[in-house]
């Protein structure tokens, strides 16, 4: 699997997890950040997202969107130093 597909899958999973957490908050259910709530619709590769807070998920989504935009623009190593 190439980098952009992996980022897209993680981005999709992060967005879905953010929706779940926001729905729980609006339903006044206690947010579970200290334990892993297992649900069959979660992508097993990204179960760690369930441990993130809403704020952490929002930040992570922003980073993934920037990484994906960089890849689409032809920047394959955004963390590499510019010479």
Protein backbone atom coordinates (compact mmCIF):
# COMPACT_ATOMS: atom_id res chain seq x y z
CA UNK A 1 0.00 0.00 0.00
CA UNK A 2 1.42 3.40 -0.92
CA UNK A 3 1.75 6.37 1.43
CA UNK A 4 -1.20 8.37 0.13
CA UNK A 5 -3.57 5.40 0.47
CA UNK A 6 -2.36 4.75 4.01
CA UNK A 7 -2.85 8.41 4.93
CA UNK A 8 -6.34 8.40 3.37
CA UNK A 9 -7.32 5.30 5.38
CA UNK A 10 -6.00 6.79 8.61
CA UNK A 11 -7.67 10.12 7.88
CA UNK A 12 -11.01 8.37 7.28
CA UNK A 13 -10.65 6.40 10.52
CA UNK A 14 -9.69 9.51 12.48
CA UNK A 15 -12.71 11.41 11.16
CA UNK A 16 -15.01 8.50 12.04
CA UNK A 17 -13.56 8.34 15.55
CA UNK A 18 -14.00 12.09 15.96
CA UNK A 19 -17.68 11.77 14.98
CA UNK A 20 -18.11 8.95 17.55
CA UNK A 21 -16.52 10.99 20.31
CA UNK A 22 -18.52 14.11 19.51
CA UNK A 23 -21.73 12.07 19.46
CA UNK A 24 -20.88 10.64 22.88
CA UNK A 25 -20.19 14.13 24.20
CA UNK A 26 -23.49 15.44 22.90
CA UNK A 27 -25.29 12.48 24.47
CA UNK A 28 -23.61 13.34 27.79
CA UNK A 29 -22.00 9.92 27.98
CA UNK A 30 -18.62 9.72 29.69
CA UNK A 31 -15.78 9.90 27.19
CA UNK A 32 -13.47 6.96 27.40
CA UNK A 33 -9.90 8.10 26.97
CA UNK A 34 -8.22 5.71 29.38
CA UNK A 35 -9.52 2.47 27.92
CA UNK A 36 -9.94 1.14 24.45
CA UNK A 37 -13.62 0.79 23.54
CA UNK A 38 -13.66 -2.03 21.02
CA UNK A 39 -16.27 -1.83 18.31
CA UNK A 40 -16.45 -3.93 15.14
CA UNK A 41 -16.68 -0.95 12.76
CA UNK A 42 -13.26 0.39 13.78
CA UNK A 43 -10.34 -0.25 11.45
CA UNK A 44 -8.03 -2.57 13.40
CA UNK A 45 -4.97 -0.80 11.99
CA UNK A 46 -5.99 2.45 13.68
CA UNK A 47 -7.42 1.35 17.04
CA UNK A 48 -5.02 3.78 18.75
CA UNK A 49 -7.26 6.60 17.52
CA UNK A 50 -9.89 5.47 20.03
CA UNK A 51 -7.50 6.49 22.81
CA UNK A 52 -7.18 10.07 21.56
CA UNK A 53 -9.21 12.97 22.91
CA UNK A 54 -11.37 15.11 20.63
CA UNK A 55 -8.69 17.81 20.60
CA UNK A 56 -5.94 15.30 19.79
CA UNK A 57 -8.05 13.85 16.97
CA UNK A 58 -8.68 17.30 15.51
CA UNK A 59 -4.94 18.04 15.55
CA UNK A 60 -4.11 14.64 14.08
CA UNK A 61 -6.65 15.12 11.29
CA UNK A 62 -5.12 18.51 10.45
CA UNK A 63 -1.67 16.90 10.21
CA UNK A 64 -2.93 14.06 8.04
CA UNK A 65 -4.66 16.53 5.70
CA UNK A 66 -1.42 18.53 5.37
CA UNK A 67 0.60 15.36 4.74
CA UNK A 68 -1.86 14.24 2.08
CA UNK A 69 -1.79 17.65 0.41
CA UNK A 70 2.03 17.55 0.43
CA UNK A 71 2.03 14.11 -1.19
CA UNK A 72 -0.44 15.24 -3.84
CA UNK A 73 1.76 18.28 -4.53
CA UNK A 74 4.75 16.02 -5.09
CA UNK A 75 6.44 16.52 -1.75
CA UNK A 76 7.07 12.96 -0.66
CA UNK A 77 9.14 13.74 2.42
CA UNK A 78 7.74 16.87 4.09
CA UNK A 79 10.01 16.35 7.08
CA UNK A 80 13.20 16.41 4.98
CA UNK A 81 15.42 19.45 5.28
CA UNK A 82 15.36 21.98 2.46
CA UNK A 83 18.83 22.54 1.03
